[in-house]
Amino acid sequence: MGILLAAETTGAGLVMIVYIVLIVAFIYFFMIRPQKKEQKKTAAMLSAIEIGDYVLTSSGFYGTIIDITDDTVIVEFGSNKNCRIPMQKTAIAQVEKATE
């Protein structure tokens, strides 16, 4: 009886292992890997910002970077030149390089 039970569970166990491996591979290739790619792209964009770059913030405001520190930037909004707001670098959604 024990040998028969072991033979039945071996085939079912193998199928179960194959399904688990397929599910883990699916999660990795369709969820984890693209997210890591996006994080690398965002980190590269934030490390390449410079003073004078035109940025779009995550709240939807367009502005120009006037000062950069380690993890914060000071962004000048509008043509008023008096609206300068410090914010975290992570609040920057897009960067357009300054043209000279």
PDB file of N, CA and C in Angstrom:
ATOM      1  N   MET A   1       0.820  -1.189   0.000  1.00  0.00           N
ATOM      2  CA  MET A   1       0.000   0.000   0.000  1.00  0.00           C
ATOM      3  C   MET A   1       0.866   1.256   0.000  1.00  0.00           C
ATOM      4  N   GLY A   2       1.955   1.219   0.757  1.00  0.00           N
ATOM      5  CA  GLY A   2       2.843   2.373   0.829  1.00  0.00           C
ATOM      6  C   GLY A   2       3.530   2.643  -0.488  1.00  0.00           C
ATOM      7  N   ILE A   3       3.921   1.608  -1.204  1.00  0.00           N
ATOM      8  CA  ILE A   3       4.580   1.775  -2.502  1.00  0.00           C
ATOM      9  C   ILE A   3       3.615   2.343  -3.526  1.00  0.00           C
ATOM     10  N   LEU A   4       2.377   1.876  -3.506  1.00  0.00           N
ATOM     11  CA  LEU A   4       1.360   2.364  -4.430  1.00  0.00           C
ATOM     12  C   LEU A   4       1.064   3.838  -4.170  1.00  0.00           C
ATOM     13  N   LEU A   5       0.984   4.239  -2.908  1.00  0.00           N
ATOM     14  CA  LEU A   5       0.723   5.629  -2.538  1.00  0.00           C
ATOM     15  C   LEU A   5       1.875   6.527  -2.971  1.00  0.00           C
ATOM     16  N   ALA A   6       3.104   6.057  -2.823  1.00  0.00           N
ATOM     17  CA  ALA A   6       4.271   6.828  -3.229  1.00  0.00           C
ATOM     18  C   ALA A   6       4.304   6.997  -4.740  1.00  0.00           C
ATOM     19  N   ALA A   7       3.910   6.006  -5.490  1.00  0.00           N
ATOM     20  CA  ALA A   7       3.903   6.099  -6.950  1.00  0.00           C
ATOM     21  C   ALA A   7       2.861   7.099  -7.426  1.00  0.00           C
ATOM     22  N   GLU A   8       1.705   7.149  -6.770  1.00  0.00           N
ATOM     23  CA  GLU A   8       0.658   8.083  -7.172  1.00  0.00           C
ATOM     24  C   GLU A   8       1.047   9.520  -6.855  1.00  0.00           C
ATOM     25  N   THR A   9       1.663   9.759  -5.730  1.00  0.00           N
ATOM     26  CA  THR A   9       2.010  11.126  -5.352  1.00  0.00           C
ATOM     27  C   THR A   9       3.217  11.636  -6.121  1.00  0.00           C
ATOM     28  N   THR A  10       4.048  10.784  -6.638  1.00  0.00           N
ATOM     29  CA  THR A  10       5.213  11.228  -7.399  1.00  0.00           C
ATOM     30  C   THR A  10       4.792  11.938  -8.675  1.00  0.00           C
ATOM     31  N   GLY A  11       3.858  11.368  -9.401  1.00  0.00           N
ATOM     32  CA  GLY A  11       3.388  12.020 -10.628  1.00  0.00           C
ATOM     33  C   GLY A  11       2.653  13.313 -10.338  1.00  0.00           C
ATOM     34  N   ALA A  12       1.794  13.313  -9.332  1.00  0.00           N
ATOM     35  CA  ALA A  12       1.055  14.516  -8.966  1.00  0.00           C
ATOM     36  C   ALA A  12       1.996  15.568  -8.381  1.00  0.00           C
ATOM     37  N   GLY A  13       2.981  15.113  -7.623  1.00  0.00           N
ATOM     38  CA  GLY A  13       3.956  16.037  -7.046  1.00  0.00           C
ATOM     39  C   GLY A  13       4.796  16.707  -8.115  1.00  0.00           C
ATOM     40  N   LEU A  14       5.166  15.940  -9.135  1.00  0.00           N
ATOM     41  CA  LEU A  14       5.950  16.496 -10.230  1.00  0.00           C
ATOM     42  C   LEU A  14       5.152  17.551 -10.999  1.00  0.00           C
ATOM     43  N   VAL A  15       3.896  17.271 -11.246  1.00  0.00           N
ATOM     44  CA  VAL A  15       3.029  18.238 -11.930  1.00  0.00           C
ATOM     45  C   VAL A  15       2.880  19.489 -11.078  1.00  0.00           C
ATOM     46  N   MET A  16       2.722  19.328  -9.788  1.00  0.00           N
ATOM     47  CA  MET A  16       2.583  20.467  -8.881  1.00  0.00           C
ATOM     48  C   MET A  16       3.844  21.321  -8.894  1.00  0.00           C
ATOM     49  N   ILE A  17       5.003  20.705  -8.895  1.00  0.00           N
ATOM     50  CA  ILE A  17       6.269  21.439  -8.935  1.00  0.00           C
ATOM     51  C   ILE A  17       6.395  22.205 -10.247  1.00  0.00           C
ATOM     52  N   VAL A  18       6.011  21.590 -11.354  1.00  0.00           N
ATOM     53  CA  VAL A  18       6.072  22.271 -12.660  1.00  0.00           C
ATOM     54  C   VAL A  18       5.161  23.485 -12.653  1.00  0.00           C
ATOM     55  N   TYR A  19       3.951  23.351 -12.112  1.00  0.00           N
ATOM     56  CA  TYR A  19       3.038  24.483 -12.043  1.00  0.00           C
ATOM     57  C   TYR A  19       3.591  25.610 -11.178  1.00  0.00           C
ATOM     58  N   ILE A  20       4.178  25.267 -10.064  1.00  0.00           N
ATOM     59  CA  ILE A  20       4.747  26.287  -9.184  1.00  0.00           C
ATOM     60  C   ILE A  20       5.892  27.015  -9.873  1.00  0.00           C
ATOM     61  N   VAL A  21       6.751  26.279 -10.564  1.00  0.00           N
ATOM     62  CA  VAL A  21       7.863  26.902 -11.290  1.00  0.00           C
ATOM     63  C   VAL A  21       7.330  27.826 -12.382  1.00  0.00           C
ATOM     64  N   LEU A  22       6.298  27.406 -13.098  1.00  0.00           N
ATOM     65  CA  LEU A  22       5.711  28.249 -14.141  1.00  0.00           C
ATOM     66  C   LEU A  22       5.094  29.517 -13.565  1.00  0.00           C
ATOM     67  N   ILE A  23       4.423  29.402 -12.448  1.00  0.00           N
ATOM     68  CA  ILE A  23       3.816  30.578 -11.819  1.00  0.00           C
ATOM     69  C   ILE A  23       4.883  31.555 -11.341  1.00  0.00           C
ATOM     70  N   VAL A  24       5.944  31.055 -10.725  1.00  0.00           N
ATOM     71  CA  VAL A  24       7.037  31.922 -10.262  1.00  0.00           C
ATOM     72  C   VAL A  24       7.715  32.595 -11.456  1.00  0.00           C
ATOM     73  N   ALA A  25       7.939  31.865 -12.537  1.00  0.00           N
ATOM     74  CA  ALA A  25       8.552  32.455 -13.731  1.00  0.00           C
ATOM     75  C   ALA A  25       7.648  33.527 -14.327  1.00  0.00           C
ATOM     76  N   PHE A  26       6.357  33.280 -14.361  1.00  0.00           N
ATOM     77  CA  PHE A  26       5.404  34.268 -14.879  1.00  0.00           C
ATOM     78  C   PHE A  26       5.446  35.540 -14.040  1.00  0.00           C
ATOM     79  N   ILE A  27       5.418  35.383 -12.733  1.00  0.00           N
ATOM     80  CA  ILE A  27       5.457  36.555 -11.847  1.00  0.00           C
ATOM     81  C   ILE A  27       6.752  37.328 -12.044  1.00  0.00           C
ATOM     82  N   TYR A  28       7.868  36.626 -12.175  1.00  0.00           N
ATOM     83  CA  TYR A  28       9.150  37.314 -12.349  1.00  0.00           C
ATOM     84  C   TYR A  28       9.194  38.083 -13.666  1.00  0.00           C
ATOM     85  N   PHE A  29       8.857  37.433 -14.767  1.00  0.00           N
ATOM     86  CA  PHE A  29       9.021  38.067 -16.068  1.00  0.00           C
ATOM     87  C   PHE A  29       7.960  39.110 -16.391  1.00  0.00           C
ATOM     88  N   PHE A  30       6.788  39.025 -15.780  1.00  0.00           N
ATOM     89  CA  PHE A  30       5.744  39.977 -16.106  1.00  0.00           C
ATOM     90  C   PHE A  30       5.455  40.994 -15.011  1.00  0.00           C
ATOM     91  N   MET A  31       6.038  40.836 -13.839  1.00  0.00           N
ATOM     92  CA  MET A  31       5.779  41.783 -12.763  1.00  0.00           C
ATOM     93  C   MET A  31       7.058  42.361 -12.156  1.00  0.00           C
ATOM     94  N   ILE A  32       7.962  41.532 -11.736  1.00  0.00           N
ATOM     95  CA  ILE A  32       9.140  42.007 -11.015  1.00  0.00           C
ATOM     96  C   ILE A  32      10.160  42.634 -11.956  1.00  0.00           C
ATOM     97  N   ARG A  33      10.475  41.966 -13.052  1.00  0.00           N
ATOM     98  CA  ARG A  33      11.502  42.450 -13.973  1.00  0.00           C
ATOM     99  C   ARG A  33      11.149  43.803 -14.594  1.00  0.00           C
ATOM    100  N   PRO A  34       9.926  44.023 -15.101  1.00  0.00           N
ATOM    101  CA  PRO A  34       9.601  45.350 -15.644  1.00  0.00           C
ATOM    102  C   PRO A  34       9.639  46.453 -14.588  1.00  0.00           C
ATOM    103  N   GLN A  35       9.258  46.127 -13.365  1.00  0.00           N
ATOM    104  CA  GLN A  35       9.292  47.126 -12.314  1.00  0.00           C
ATOM    105  C   GLN A  35      10.733  47.529 -12.000  1.00  0.00           C
ATOM    106  N   LYS A  36      11.642  46.578 -11.971  1.00  0.00           N
ATOM    107  CA  LYS A  36      13.044  46.900 -11.727  1.00  0.00           C
ATOM    108  C   LYS A  36      13.624  47.733 -12.868  1.00  0.00           C
ATOM    109  N   LYS A  37      13.226  47.418 -14.108  1.00  0.00           N
ATOM    110  CA  LYS A  37      13.680  48.211 -15.254  1.00  0.00           C
ATOM    111  C   LYS A  37      13.227  49.663 -15.127  1.00  0.00           C
ATOM    112  N   GLU A  38      11.974  49.855 -14.733  1.00  0.00           N
ATOM    113  CA  GLU A  38      11.423  51.195 -14.575  1.00  0.00           C
ATOM    114  C   GLU A  38      12.129  51.943 -13.447  1.00  0.00           C
ATOM    115  N   GLN A  39      12.450  51.259 -12.365  1.00  0.00           N
ATOM    116  CA  GLN A  39      13.160  51.887 -11.258  1.00  0.00           C
ATOM    117  C   GLN A  39      14.561  52.322 -11.679  1.00  0.00           C
ATOM    118  N   LYS A  40      15.241  51.503 -12.475  1.00  0.00           N
ATOM    119  CA  LYS A  40      16.573  51.866 -12.958  1.00  0.00           C
ATOM    120  C   LYS A  40      16.505  53.076 -13.884  1.00  0.00           C
ATOM    121  N   LYS A  41      15.490  53.106 -14.742  1.00  0.00           N
ATOM    122  CA  LYS A  41      15.326  54.231 -15.667  1.00  0.00           C
ATOM    123  C   LYS A  41      15.046  55.523 -14.902  1.00  0.00           C
ATOM    124  N   THR A  42      14.205  55.444 -13.872  1.00  0.00           N
ATOM    125  CA  THR A  42      13.891  56.619 -13.066  1.00  0.00           C
ATOM    126  C   THR A  42      15.114  57.090 -12.289  1.00  0.00           C
ATOM    127  N   ALA A  43      15.873  56.161 -11.734  1.00  0.00           N
ATOM    128  CA  ALA A  43      17.082  56.525 -10.996  1.00  0.00           C
ATOM    129  C   ALA A  43      18.108  57.184 -11.911  1.00  0.00           C
ATOM    130  N   ALA A  44      18.233  56.687 -13.140  1.00  0.00           N
ATOM    131  CA  ALA A  44      19.163  57.297 -14.093  1.00  0.00           C
ATOM    132  C   ALA A  44      18.705  58.704 -14.466  1.00  0.00           C
ATOM    133  N   MET A  45      17.397  58.891 -14.636  1.00  0.00           N
ATOM    134  CA  MET A  45      16.870  60.209 -14.974  1.00  0.00           C
ATOM    135  C   MET A  45      17.128  61.194 -13.839  1.00  0.00           C
ATOM    136  N   LEU A  46      16.898  60.758 -12.601  1.00  0.00           N
ATOM    137  CA  LEU A  46      17.081  61.661 -11.466  1.00  0.00           C
ATOM    138  C   LEU A  46      18.551  61.969 -11.211  1.00  0.00           C
ATOM    139  N   SER A  47      19.437  61.047 -11.523  1.00  0.00           N
ATOM    140  CA  SER A  47      20.863  61.322 -11.311  1.00  0.00           C
ATOM    141  C   SER A  47      21.430  62.234 -12.392  1.00  0.00           C
ATOM    142  N   ALA A  48      20.732  62.353 -13.514  1.00  0.00           N
ATOM    143  CA  ALA A  48      21.230  63.173 -14.619  1.00  0.00           C
ATOM    144  C   ALA A  48      20.657  64.582 -14.636  1.00  0.00           C
ATOM    145  N   ILE A  49      19.830  64.948 -13.652  1.00  0.00           N
ATOM    146  CA  ILE A  49      19.259  66.298 -13.683  1.00  0.00           C
ATOM    147  C   ILE A  49      20.320  67.330 -13.340  1.00  0.00           C
ATOM    148  N   GLU A  50      20.171  68.490 -13.939  1.00  0.00           N
ATOM    149  CA  GLU A  50      21.119  69.582 -13.744  1.00  0.00           C
ATOM    150  C   GLU A  50      20.348  70.875 -13.536  1.00  0.00           C
ATOM    151  N   ILE A  51      21.042  71.874 -13.056  1.00  0.00           N
ATOM    152  CA  ILE A  51      20.436  73.189 -12.874  1.00  0.00           C
ATOM    153  C   ILE A  51      20.058  73.736 -14.241  1.00  0.00           C
ATOM    154  N   GLY A  52      18.851  74.247 -14.337  1.00  0.00           N
ATOM    155  CA  GLY A  52      18.353  74.801 -15.590  1.00  0.00           C
ATOM    156  C   GLY A  52      17.462  73.849 -16.363  1.00  0.00           C
ATOM    157  N   ASP A  53      17.393  72.603 -15.951  1.00  0.00           N
ATOM    158  CA  ASP A  53      16.521  71.640 -16.629  1.00  0.00           C
ATOM    159  C   ASP A  53      15.060  71.975 -16.353  1.00  0.00           C
ATOM    160  N   TYR A  54      14.228  71.717 -17.336  1.00  0.00           N
ATOM    161  CA  TYR A  54      12.795  71.933 -17.241  1.00  0.00           C
ATOM    162  C   TYR A  54      12.168  70.623 -16.812  1.00  0.00           C
ATOM    163  N   VAL A  55      11.391  70.640 -15.715  1.00  0.00           N
ATOM    164  CA  VAL A  55      10.864  69.397 -15.160  1.00  0.00           C
ATOM    165  C   VAL A  55       9.347  69.448 -15.024  1.00  0.00           C
ATOM    166  N   LEU A  56       8.759  68.257 -15.012  1.00  0.00           N
ATOM    167  CA  LEU A  56       7.355  68.065 -14.688  1.00  0.00           C
ATOM    168  C   LEU A  56       7.313  67.303 -13.378  1.00  0.00           C
ATOM    169  N   THR A  57       6.617  67.854 -12.390  1.00  0.00           N
ATOM    170  CA  THR A  57       6.535  67.188 -11.095  1.00  0.00           C
ATOM    171  C   THR A  57       5.405  66.167 -11.104  1.00  0.00           C
ATOM    172  N   SER A  58       5.399  65.312 -10.103  1.00  0.00           N
ATOM    173  CA  SER A  58       4.348  64.294 -10.020  1.00  0.00           C
ATOM    174  C   SER A  58       2.986  64.913  -9.737  1.00  0.00           C
ATOM    175  N   SER A  59       2.946  66.148  -9.271  1.00  0.00           N
ATOM    176  CA  SER A  59       1.674  66.823  -9.029  1.00  0.00           C
ATOM    177  C   SER A  59       1.183  67.570 -10.263  1.00  0.00           C
ATOM    178  N   GLY A  60       1.974  67.578 -11.352  1.00  0.00           N
ATOM    179  CA  GLY A  60       1.525  68.162 -12.605  1.00  0.00           C
ATOM    180  C   GLY A  60       2.029  69.568 -12.879  1.00  0.00           C
ATOM    181  N   PHE A  61       2.940  70.083 -12.070  1.00  0.00           N
ATOM    182  CA  PHE A  61       3.466  71.423 -12.278  1.00  0.00           C
ATOM    183  C   PHE A  61       4.745  71.371 -13.107  1.00  0.00           C
ATOM    184  N   TYR A  62       4.892  72.345 -14.009  1.00  0.00           N
ATOM    185  CA  TYR A  62       6.112  72.488 -14.787  1.00  0.00           C
ATOM    186  C   TYR A  62       6.962  73.569 -14.145  1.00  0.00           C
ATOM    187  N   GLY A  63       8.269  73.334 -14.108  1.00  0.00           N
ATOM    188  CA  GLY A  63       9.157  74.315 -13.520  1.00  0.00           C
ATOM    189  C   GLY A  63      10.585  74.109 -13.954  1.00  0.00           C
ATOM    190  N   THR A  64      11.450  75.016 -13.489  1.00  0.00           N
ATOM    191  CA  THR A  64      12.869  74.981 -13.825  1.00  0.00           C
ATOM    192  C   THR A  64      13.670  74.757 -12.546  1.00  0.00           C
ATOM    193  N   ILE A  65      14.629  73.873 -12.610  1.00  0.00           N
ATOM    194  CA  ILE A  65      15.474  73.593 -11.442  1.00  0.00           C
ATOM    195  C   ILE A  65      16.477  74.721 -11.281  1.00  0.00           C
ATOM    196  N   ILE A  66      16.526  75.265 -10.065  1.00  0.00           N
ATOM    197  CA  ILE A  66      17.484  76.337  -9.819  1.00  0.00           C
ATOM    198  C   ILE A  66      18.555  75.957  -8.798  1.00  0.00           C
ATOM    199  N   ASP A  67      18.336  74.870  -8.036  1.00  0.00           N
ATOM    200  CA  ASP A  67      19.348  74.407  -7.089  1.00  0.00           C
ATOM    201  C   ASP A  67      19.130  72.921  -6.814  1.00  0.00           C
ATOM    202  N   ILE A  68      20.221  72.198  -6.608  1.00  0.00           N
ATOM    203  CA  ILE A  68      20.163  70.763  -6.347  1.00  0.00           C
ATOM    204  C   ILE A  68      21.027  70.448  -5.140  1.00  0.00           C
ATOM    205  N   THR A  69      20.464  69.659  -4.212  1.00  0.00           N
ATOM    206  CA  THR A  69      21.252  69.095  -3.108  1.00  0.00           C
ATOM    207  C   THR A  69      21.163  67.580  -3.230  1.00  0.00           C
ATOM    208  N   ASP A  70      21.550  66.870  -2.185  1.00  0.00           N
ATOM    209  CA  ASP A  70      21.590  65.408  -2.253  1.00  0.00           C
ATOM    210  C   ASP A  70      20.255  64.789  -2.627  1.00  0.00           C
ATOM    211  N   ASP A  71      19.204  65.108  -1.865  1.00  0.00           N
ATOM    212  CA  ASP A  71      17.911  64.484  -2.136  1.00  0.00           C
ATOM    213  C   ASP A  71      16.788  65.485  -2.381  1.00  0.00           C
ATOM    214  N   THR A  72      17.112  66.761  -2.427  1.00  0.00           N
ATOM    215  CA  THR A  72      16.100  67.781  -2.700  1.00  0.00           C
ATOM    216  C   THR A  72      16.533  68.683  -3.842  1.00  0.00           C
ATOM    217  N   VAL A  73      15.555  69.295  -4.469  1.00  0.00           N
ATOM    218  CA  VAL A  73      15.798  70.288  -5.509  1.00  0.00           C
ATOM    219  C   VAL A  73      14.915  71.496  -5.221  1.00  0.00           C
ATOM    220  N   ILE A  74      15.333  72.652  -5.679  1.00  0.00           N
ATOM    221  CA  ILE A  74      14.496  73.840  -5.594  1.00  0.00           C
ATOM    222  C   ILE A  74      14.039  74.140  -7.012  1.00  0.00           C
ATOM    223  N   VAL A  75      12.718  74.163  -7.186  1.00  0.00           N
ATOM    224  CA  VAL A  75      12.123  74.336  -8.503  1.00  0.00           C
ATOM    225  C   VAL A  75      11.420  75.683  -8.542  1.00  0.00           C
ATOM    226  N   GLU A  76      11.644  76.411  -9.629  1.00  0.00           N
ATOM    227  CA  GLU A  76      11.015  77.713  -9.838  1.00  0.00           C
ATOM    228  C   GLU A  76       9.857  77.521 -10.802  1.00  0.00           C
ATOM    229  N   PHE A  77       8.667  77.923 -10.380  1.00  0.00           N
ATOM    230  CA  PHE A  77       7.465  77.726 -11.176  1.00  0.00           C
ATOM    231  C   PHE A  77       6.996  79.036 -11.785  1.00  0.00           C
ATOM    232  N   GLY A  78       6.529  78.972 -13.030  1.00  0.00           N
ATOM    233  CA  GLY A  78       5.928  80.122 -13.696  1.00  0.00           C
ATOM    234  C   GLY A  78       6.934  81.179 -14.094  1.00  0.00           C
ATOM    235  N   SER A  79       6.421  82.259 -14.606  1.00  0.00           N
ATOM    236  CA  SER A  79       7.282  83.357 -15.042  1.00  0.00           C
ATOM    237  C   SER A  79       7.419  84.409 -13.955  1.00  0.00           C
ATOM    238  N   ASN A  80       6.864  84.161 -12.795  1.00  0.00           N
ATOM    239  CA  ASN A  80       6.880  85.100 -11.689  1.00  0.00           C
ATOM    240  C   ASN A  80       8.273  85.241 -11.083  1.00  0.00           C
ATOM    241  N   LYS A  81       9.063  84.226 -11.116  1.00  0.00           N
ATOM    242  CA  LYS A  81      10.416  84.149 -10.547  1.00  0.00           C
ATOM    243  C   LYS A  81      10.435  84.267  -9.032  1.00  0.00           C
ATOM    244  N   ASN A  82       9.271  84.375  -8.388  1.00  0.00           N
ATOM    245  CA  ASN A  82       9.214  84.431  -6.934  1.00  0.00           C
ATOM    246  C   ASN A  82       8.656  83.152  -6.344  1.00  0.00           C
ATOM    247  N   CYS A  83       8.222  82.245  -7.173  1.00  0.00           N
ATOM    248  CA  CYS A  83       7.621  81.002  -6.696  1.00  0.00           C
ATOM    249  C   CYS A  83       8.678  79.893  -6.786  1.00  0.00           C
ATOM    250  N   ARG A  84       9.439  79.781  -5.717  1.00  0.00           N
ATOM    251  CA  ARG A  84      10.484  78.759  -5.635  1.00  0.00           C
ATOM    252  C   ARG A  84      10.125  77.792  -4.514  1.00  0.00           C
ATOM    253  N   ILE A  85      10.035  76.514  -4.866  1.00  0.00           N
ATOM    254  CA  ILE A  85       9.588  75.523  -3.899  1.00  0.00           C
ATOM    255  C   ILE A  85      10.616  74.401  -3.803  1.00  0.00           C
ATOM    256  N   PRO A  86      11.102  74.111  -2.589  1.00  0.00           N
ATOM    257  CA  PRO A  86      11.967  72.940  -2.429  1.00  0.00           C
ATOM    258  C   PRO A  86      11.123  71.669  -2.424  1.00  0.00           C
ATOM    259  N   MET A  87      11.604  70.640  -3.075  1.00  0.00           N
ATOM    260  CA  MET A  87      10.901  69.359  -3.105  1.00  0.00           C
ATOM    261  C   MET A  87      11.897  68.227  -3.239  1.00  0.00           C
ATOM    262  N   GLN A  88      11.431  67.019  -2.960  1.00  0.00           N
ATOM    263  CA  GLN A  88      12.295  65.856  -3.088  1.00  0.00           C
ATOM    264  C   GLN A  88      12.511  65.539  -4.564  1.00  0.00           C
ATOM    265  N   LYS A  89      13.667  64.951  -4.849  1.00  0.00           N
ATOM    266  CA  LYS A  89      13.953  64.555  -6.231  1.00  0.00           C
ATOM    267  C   LYS A  89      12.956  63.524  -6.746  1.00  0.00           C
ATOM    268  N   THR A  90      12.444  62.699  -5.847  1.00  0.00           N
ATOM    269  CA  THR A  90      11.512  61.659  -6.263  1.00  0.00           C
ATOM    270  C   THR A  90      10.179  62.218  -6.740  1.00  0.00           C
ATOM    271  N   ALA A  91       9.914  63.502  -6.498  1.00  0.00           N
ATOM    272  CA  ALA A  91       8.674  64.128  -6.961  1.00  0.00           C
ATOM    273  C   ALA A  91       8.759  64.550  -8.424  1.00  0.00           C
ATOM    274  N   ILE A  92       9.912  64.374  -9.045  1.00  0.00           N
ATOM    275  CA  ILE A  92      10.086  64.733 -10.450  1.00  0.00           C
ATOM    276  C   ILE A  92       9.662  63.548 -11.313  1.00  0.00           C
ATOM    277  N   ALA A  93       8.734  63.799 -12.241  1.00  0.00           N
ATOM    278  CA  ALA A  93       8.211  62.747 -13.087  1.00  0.00           C
ATOM    279  C   ALA A  93       8.914  62.702 -14.446  1.00  0.00           C
ATOM    280  N   GLN A  94       9.222  63.864 -15.014  1.00  0.00           N
ATOM    281  CA  GLN A  94       9.885  63.944 -16.313  1.00  0.00           C
ATOM    282  C   GLN A  94      10.906  65.069 -16.300  1.00  0.00           C
ATOM    283  N   VAL A  95      11.930  64.916 -17.111  1.00  0.00           N
ATOM    284  CA  VAL A  95      12.973  65.933 -17.226  1.00  0.00           C
ATOM    285  C   VAL A  95      13.179  66.246 -18.698  1.00  0.00           C
ATOM    286  N   GLU A  96      13.202  67.532 -19.009  1.00  0.00           N
ATOM    287  CA  GLU A  96      13.545  67.991 -20.356  1.00  0.00           C
ATOM    288  C   GLU A  96      14.814  68.814 -20.219  1.00  0.00           C
ATOM    289  N   LYS A  97      15.875  68.388 -20.877  1.00  0.00           N
ATOM    290  CA  LYS A  97      17.159  69.047 -20.752  1.00  0.00           C
ATOM    291  C   LYS A  97      17.089  70.488 -21.276  1.00  0.00           C
ATOM    292  N   ALA A  98      17.832  71.340 -20.632  1.00  0.00           N
ATOM    293  CA  ALA A  98      17.888  72.747 -21.042  1.00  0.00           C
ATOM    294  C   ALA A  98      18.639  72.855 -22.358  1.00  0.00           C
ATOM    295  N   THR A  99      18.114  73.628 -23.267  1.00  0.00           N
ATOM    296  CA  THR A  99      18.810  73.880 -24.537  1.00  0.00           C
ATOM    297  C   THR A  99      19.505  75.215 -24.458  1.00  0.00           C
ATOM    298  N   GLU A 100      20.688  75.246 -24.990  1.00  0.00           N
ATOM    299  CA  GLU A 100      21.467  76.478 -24.914  1.00  0.00           C
ATOM    300  C   GLU A 100      21.433  77.230 -26.215  1.00  0.00           C
TER     301      GLU A 100
END
